[in-house]
Amino acid sequence: MKVIVDQQLCEGNMRCQEAAPEVFEVRDDDKSYLLIENPPESMREKIKLAVRLCPRQAITVIDD
């Protein structure tokens, strides 16, 4: 699985970081950055929650 954050949409609401802090980090520029671009399958539920919680729908998950 591959996770993508659209920097044009991201507003740094931190919902993704709250759901999966191992994967997402909101930095001083109020944008979310990936700590793990290809997280293990065991993190899928946390990442799906982050996708649902994102108010700007800036997170995409691609199954590879």
PDB file of N, CA and C in Angstrom:
ATOM      1  N   MET A   1       0.836  -1.171   0.000  1.00  0.00           N
ATOM      2  CA  MET A   1       0.000   0.000   0.000  1.00  0.00           C
ATOM      3  C   MET A   1       0.882   1.235   0.000  1.00  0.00           C
ATOM      4  N   LYS A   2       0.438   2.238  -0.746  1.00  0.00           N
ATOM      5  CA  LYS A   2       1.180   3.502  -0.823  1.00  0.00           C
ATOM      6  C   LYS A   2       0.248   4.626  -0.385  1.00  0.00           C
ATOM      7  N   VAL A   3       0.763   5.527   0.448  1.00  0.00           N
ATOM      8  CA  VAL A   3      -0.015   6.652   0.948  1.00  0.00           C
ATOM      9  C   VAL A   3       0.499   7.930   0.293  1.00  0.00           C
ATOM     10  N   ILE A   4      -0.438   8.784  -0.103  1.00  0.00           N
ATOM     11  CA  ILE A   4      -0.097  10.054  -0.740  1.00  0.00           C
ATOM     12  C   ILE A   4      -0.850  11.168  -0.020  1.00  0.00           C
ATOM     13  N   VAL A   5      -0.154  12.263   0.279  1.00  0.00           N
ATOM     14  CA  VAL A   5      -0.789  13.455   0.835  1.00  0.00           C
ATOM     15  C   VAL A   5      -0.702  14.553  -0.218  1.00  0.00           C
ATOM     16  N   ASP A   6      -1.854  15.077  -0.620  1.00  0.00           N
ATOM     17  CA  ASP A   6      -1.898  16.172  -1.586  1.00  0.00           C
ATOM     18  C   ASP A   6      -1.597  17.475  -0.836  1.00  0.00           C
ATOM     19  N   GLN A   7      -0.412  18.012  -1.042  1.00  0.00           N
ATOM     20  CA  GLN A   7       0.024  19.211  -0.331  1.00  0.00           C
ATOM     21  C   GLN A   7      -0.804  20.446  -0.707  1.00  0.00           C
ATOM     22  N   GLN A   8      -1.428  20.411  -1.873  1.00  0.00           N
ATOM     23  CA  GLN A   8      -2.274  21.536  -2.285  1.00  0.00           C
ATOM     24  C   GLN A   8      -3.573  21.579  -1.480  1.00  0.00           C
ATOM     25  N   LEU A   9      -4.054  20.419  -1.062  1.00  0.00           N
ATOM     26  CA  LEU A   9      -5.296  20.340  -0.302  1.00  0.00           C
ATOM     27  C   LEU A   9      -5.078  20.399   1.210  1.00  0.00           C
ATOM     28  N   CYS A  10      -3.941  19.918   1.675  1.00  0.00           N
ATOM     29  CA  CYS A  10      -3.682  19.793   3.110  1.00  0.00           C
ATOM     30  C   CYS A  10      -3.696  21.149   3.801  1.00  0.00           C
ATOM     31  N   GLU A  11      -4.410  21.216   4.943  1.00  0.00           N
ATOM     32  CA  GLU A  11      -4.461  22.432   5.749  1.00  0.00           C
ATOM     33  C   GLU A  11      -3.831  22.239   7.124  1.00  0.00           C
ATOM     34  N   GLY A  12      -3.254  21.072   7.372  1.00  0.00           N
ATOM     35  CA  GLY A  12      -2.603  20.826   8.647  1.00  0.00           C
ATOM     36  C   GLY A  12      -3.563  20.728   9.817  1.00  0.00           C
ATOM     37  N   ASN A  13      -4.715  20.120   9.596  1.00  0.00           N
ATOM     38  CA  ASN A  13      -5.707  19.970  10.659  1.00  0.00           C
ATOM     39  C   ASN A  13      -5.306  18.946  11.719  1.00  0.00           C
ATOM     40  N   MET A  14      -4.286  18.177  11.432  1.00  0.00           N
ATOM     41  CA  MET A  14      -3.687  17.197  12.355  1.00  0.00           C
ATOM     42  C   MET A  14      -4.549  15.968  12.632  1.00  0.00           C
ATOM     43  N   ARG A  15      -5.635  15.806  11.942  1.00  0.00           N
ATOM     44  CA  ARG A  15      -6.476  14.633  12.179  1.00  0.00           C
ATOM     45  C   ARG A  15      -5.751  13.354  11.775  1.00  0.00           C
ATOM     46  N   CYS A  16      -4.974  13.422  10.702  1.00  0.00           N
ATOM     47  CA  CYS A  16      -4.217  12.246  10.255  1.00  0.00           C
ATOM     48  C   CYS A  16      -3.159  11.870  11.287  1.00  0.00           C
ATOM     49  N   GLN A  17      -2.479  12.868  11.817  1.00  0.00           N
ATOM     50  CA  GLN A  17      -1.435  12.614  12.816  1.00  0.00           C
ATOM     51  C   GLN A  17      -2.045  12.023  14.087  1.00  0.00           C
ATOM     52  N   GLU A  18      -3.219  12.468  14.455  1.00  0.00           N
ATOM     53  CA  GLU A  18      -3.901  11.909  15.626  1.00  0.00           C
ATOM     54  C   GLU A  18      -4.265  10.447  15.399  1.00  0.00           C
ATOM     55  N   ALA A  19      -4.683  10.111  14.182  1.00  0.00           N
ATOM     56  CA  ALA A  19      -5.104   8.744  13.868  1.00  0.00           C
ATOM     57  C   ALA A  19      -3.926   7.793  13.677  1.00  0.00           C
ATOM     58  N   ALA A  20      -2.856   8.282  13.059  1.00  0.00           N
ATOM     59  CA  ALA A  20      -1.712   7.416  12.749  1.00  0.00           C
ATOM     60  C   ALA A  20      -0.401   8.200  12.873  1.00  0.00           C
ATOM     61  N   PRO A  21       0.027   8.482  14.096  1.00  0.00           N
ATOM     62  CA  PRO A  21       1.243   9.284  14.280  1.00  0.00           C
ATOM     63  C   PRO A  21       2.519   8.610  13.782  1.00  0.00           C
ATOM     64  N   GLU A  22       2.463   7.305  13.562  1.00  0.00           N
ATOM     65  CA  GLU A  22       3.625   6.600  13.016  1.00  0.00           C
ATOM     66  C   GLU A  22       3.814   6.899  11.529  1.00  0.00           C
ATOM     67  N   VAL A  23       2.746   7.381  10.882  1.00  0.00           N
ATOM     68  CA  VAL A  23       2.766   7.585   9.437  1.00  0.00           C
ATOM     69  C   VAL A  23       2.774   9.070   9.054  1.00  0.00           C
ATOM     70  N   PHE A  24       2.034   9.888   9.802  1.00  0.00           N
ATOM     71  CA  PHE A  24       1.854  11.295   9.445  1.00  0.00           C
ATOM     72  C   PHE A  24       2.460  12.224  10.492  1.00  0.00           C
ATOM     73  N   GLU A  25       3.042  13.325  10.008  1.00  0.00           N
ATOM     74  CA  GLU A  25       3.583  14.350  10.896  1.00  0.00           C
ATOM     75  C   GLU A  25       3.232  15.715  10.313  1.00  0.00           C
ATOM     76  N   VAL A  26       2.520  16.521  11.088  1.00  0.00           N
ATOM     77  CA  VAL A  26       2.213  17.883  10.666  1.00  0.00           C
ATOM     78  C   VAL A  26       3.339  18.774  11.176  1.00  0.00           C
ATOM     79  N   ARG A  27       3.926  19.511  10.253  1.00  0.00           N
ATOM     80  CA  ARG A  27       5.099  20.325  10.586  1.00  0.00           C
ATOM     81  C   ARG A  27       4.728  21.813  10.700  1.00  0.00           C
ATOM     82  N   ASP A  28       5.727  22.627  10.964  1.00  0.00           N
ATOM     83  CA  ASP A  28       5.525  24.054  11.212  1.00  0.00           C
ATOM     84  C   ASP A  28       4.872  24.799  10.049  1.00  0.00           C
ATOM     85  N   ASP A  29       4.945  24.253   8.854  1.00  0.00           N
ATOM     86  CA  ASP A  29       4.321  24.900   7.696  1.00  0.00           C
ATOM     87  C   ASP A  29       2.848  24.506   7.544  1.00  0.00           C
ATOM     88  N   ASP A  30       2.307  23.822   8.565  1.00  0.00           N
ATOM     89  CA  ASP A  30       0.899  23.373   8.569  1.00  0.00           C
ATOM     90  C   ASP A  30       0.573  22.445   7.412  1.00  0.00           C
ATOM     91  N   LYS A  31       1.497  21.569   7.101  1.00  0.00           N
ATOM     92  CA  LYS A  31       1.291  20.537   6.092  1.00  0.00           C
ATOM     93  C   LYS A  31       1.640  19.196   6.704  1.00  0.00           C
ATOM     94  N   SER A  32       0.939  18.172   6.268  1.00  0.00           N
ATOM     95  CA  SER A  32       1.199  16.816   6.730  1.00  0.00           C
ATOM     96  C   SER A  32       2.267  16.168   5.847  1.00  0.00           C
ATOM     97  N   TYR A  33       3.210  15.514   6.489  1.00  0.00           N
ATOM     98  CA  TYR A  33       4.277  14.812   5.782  1.00  0.00           C
ATOM     99  C   TYR A  33       4.259  13.345   6.170  1.00  0.00           C
ATOM    100  N   LEU A  34       4.630  12.509   5.226  1.00  0.00           N
ATOM    101  CA  LEU A  34       4.663  11.075   5.469  1.00  0.00           C
ATOM    102  C   LEU A  34       5.979  10.679   6.118  1.00  0.00           C
ATOM    103  N   LEU A  35       5.868   9.936   7.190  1.00  0.00           N
ATOM    104  CA  LEU A  35       7.042   9.356   7.818  1.00  0.00           C
ATOM    105  C   LEU A  35       7.328   7.988   7.205  1.00  0.00           C
ATOM    106  N   ILE A  36       6.256   7.342   6.715  1.00  0.00           N
ATOM    107  CA  ILE A  36       6.358   6.040   6.049  1.00  0.00           C
ATOM    108  C   ILE A  36       5.475   6.105   4.806  1.00  0.00           C
ATOM    109  N   GLU A  37       6.072   6.114   3.633  1.00  0.00           N
ATOM    110  CA  GLU A  37       5.306   6.196   2.391  1.00  0.00           C
ATOM    111  C   GLU A  37       4.602   4.880   2.062  1.00  0.00           C
ATOM    112  N   ASN A  38       5.236   3.779   2.400  1.00  0.00           N
ATOM    113  CA  ASN A  38       4.669   2.448   2.153  1.00  0.00           C
ATOM    114  C   ASN A  38       4.546   1.706   3.484  1.00  0.00           C
ATOM    115  N   PRO A  39       3.533   2.047   4.272  1.00  0.00           N
ATOM    116  CA  PRO A  39       3.385   1.410   5.589  1.00  0.00           C
ATOM    117  C   PRO A  39       2.994  -0.058   5.470  1.00  0.00           C
ATOM    118  N   PRO A  40       3.256  -0.816   6.516  1.00  0.00           N
ATOM    119  CA  PRO A  40       2.890  -2.231   6.494  1.00  0.00           C
ATOM    120  C   PRO A  40       1.363  -2.405   6.531  1.00  0.00           C
ATOM    121  N   GLU A  41       0.939  -3.529   6.053  1.00  0.00           N
ATOM    122  CA  GLU A  41      -0.487  -3.860   5.992  1.00  0.00           C
ATOM    123  C   GLU A  41      -1.140  -3.769   7.373  1.00  0.00           C
ATOM    124  N   SER A  42      -0.388  -4.039   8.409  1.00  0.00           N
ATOM    125  CA  SER A  42      -0.927  -4.008   9.769  1.00  0.00           C
ATOM    126  C   SER A  42      -1.414  -2.614  10.183  1.00  0.00           C
ATOM    127  N   MET A  43      -1.026  -1.587   9.445  1.00  0.00           N
ATOM    128  CA  MET A  43      -1.438  -0.221   9.762  1.00  0.00           C
ATOM    129  C   MET A  43      -2.627   0.255   8.937  1.00  0.00           C
ATOM    130  N   ARG A  44      -3.158  -0.620   8.114  1.00  0.00           N
ATOM    131  CA  ARG A  44      -4.227  -0.230   7.193  1.00  0.00           C
ATOM    132  C   ARG A  44      -5.418   0.425   7.896  1.00  0.00           C
ATOM    133  N   GLU A  45      -5.868  -0.119   9.004  1.00  0.00           N
ATOM    134  CA  GLU A  45      -7.046   0.436   9.684  1.00  0.00           C
ATOM    135  C   GLU A  45      -6.788   1.847  10.202  1.00  0.00           C
ATOM    136  N   LYS A  46      -5.612   2.089  10.749  1.00  0.00           N
ATOM    137  CA  LYS A  46      -5.267   3.435  11.221  1.00  0.00           C
ATOM    138  C   LYS A  46      -5.233   4.422  10.057  1.00  0.00           C
ATOM    139  N   ILE A  47      -4.693   3.982   8.936  1.00  0.00           N
ATOM    140  CA  ILE A  47      -4.585   4.862   7.775  1.00  0.00           C
ATOM    141  C   ILE A  47      -5.962   5.134   7.177  1.00  0.00           C
ATOM    142  N   LYS A  48      -6.810   4.106   7.135  1.00  0.00           N
ATOM    143  CA  LYS A  48      -8.175   4.314   6.652  1.00  0.00           C
ATOM    144  C   LYS A  48      -8.912   5.318   7.530  1.00  0.00           C
ATOM    145  N   LEU A  49      -8.667   5.268   8.830  1.00  0.00           N
ATOM    146  CA  LEU A  49      -9.267   6.235   9.740  1.00  0.00           C
ATOM    147  C   LEU A  49      -8.746   7.641   9.430  1.00  0.00           C
ATOM    148  N   ALA A  50      -7.461   7.772   9.199  1.00  0.00           N
ATOM    149  CA  ALA A  50      -6.879   9.072   8.853  1.00  0.00           C
ATOM    150  C   ALA A  50      -7.504   9.629   7.577  1.00  0.00           C
ATOM    151  N   VAL A  51      -7.726   8.769   6.593  1.00  0.00           N
ATOM    152  CA  VAL A  51      -8.360   9.193   5.344  1.00  0.00           C
ATOM    153  C   VAL A  51      -9.768   9.719   5.620  1.00  0.00           C
ATOM    154  N   ARG A  52     -10.526   8.978   6.417  1.00  0.00           N
ATOM    155  CA  ARG A  52     -11.908   9.387   6.738  1.00  0.00           C
ATOM    156  C   ARG A  52     -11.954  10.688   7.539  1.00  0.00           C
ATOM    157  N   LEU A  53     -10.990  10.886   8.425  1.00  0.00           N
ATOM    158  CA  LEU A  53     -10.998  12.056   9.298  1.00  0.00           C
ATOM    159  C   LEU A  53     -10.497  13.334   8.620  1.00  0.00           C
ATOM    160  N   CYS A  54      -9.779  13.199   7.540  1.00  0.00           N
ATOM    161  CA  CYS A  54      -9.210  14.380   6.873  1.00  0.00           C
ATOM    162  C   CYS A  54     -10.335  15.267   6.319  1.00  0.00           C
ATOM    163  N   PRO A  55     -10.480  16.482   6.860  1.00  0.00           N
ATOM    164  CA  PRO A  55     -11.571  17.345   6.404  1.00  0.00           C
ATOM    165  C   PRO A  55     -11.403  17.836   4.962  1.00  0.00           C
ATOM    166  N   ARG A  56     -10.194  17.804   4.454  1.00  0.00           N
ATOM    167  CA  ARG A  56      -9.936  18.274   3.081  1.00  0.00           C
ATOM    168  C   ARG A  56      -9.791  17.126   2.092  1.00  0.00           C
ATOM    169  N   GLN A  57      -9.901  15.887   2.567  1.00  0.00           N
ATOM    170  CA  GLN A  57      -9.736  14.699   1.724  1.00  0.00           C
ATOM    171  C   GLN A  57      -8.430  14.765   0.945  1.00  0.00           C
ATOM    172  N   ALA A  58      -7.359  15.081   1.679  1.00  0.00           N
ATOM    173  CA  ALA A  58      -6.039  15.252   1.060  1.00  0.00           C
ATOM    174  C   ALA A  58      -5.208  13.977   1.041  1.00  0.00           C
ATOM    175  N   ILE A  59      -5.737  12.899   1.619  1.00  0.00           N
ATOM    176  CA  ILE A  59      -4.964  11.645   1.725  1.00  0.00           C
ATOM    177  C   ILE A  59      -5.556  10.604   0.789  1.00  0.00           C
ATOM    178  N   THR A  60      -4.680   9.952   0.044  1.00  0.00           N
ATOM    179  CA  THR A  60      -5.079   8.880  -0.865  1.00  0.00           C
ATOM    180  C   THR A  60      -4.258   7.629  -0.531  1.00  0.00           C
ATOM    181  N   VAL A  61      -4.913   6.495  -0.593  1.00  0.00           N
ATOM    182  CA  VAL A  61      -4.221   5.210  -0.410  1.00  0.00           C
ATOM    183  C   VAL A  61      -4.341   4.427  -1.699  1.00  0.00           C
ATOM    184  N   ILE A  62      -3.203   3.959  -2.196  1.00  0.00           N
ATOM    185  CA  ILE A  62      -3.163   3.159  -3.429  1.00  0.00           C
ATOM    186  C   ILE A  62      -2.655   1.765  -3.067  1.00  0.00           C
ATOM    187  N   ASP A  63      -3.409   0.770  -3.440  1.00  0.00           N
ATOM    188  CA  ASP A  63      -2.960  -0.610  -3.231  1.00  0.00           C
ATOM    189  C   ASP A  63      -2.056  -0.997  -4.389  1.00  0.00           C
ATOM    190  N   ASP A  64      -0.834  -1.434  -4.029  1.00  0.00           N
ATOM    191  CA  ASP A  64       0.087  -1.849  -5.099  1.00  0.00           C
ATOM    192  C   ASP A  64       0.284  -3.313  -5.138  1.00  0.00           C
TER     193      ASP A  64
END
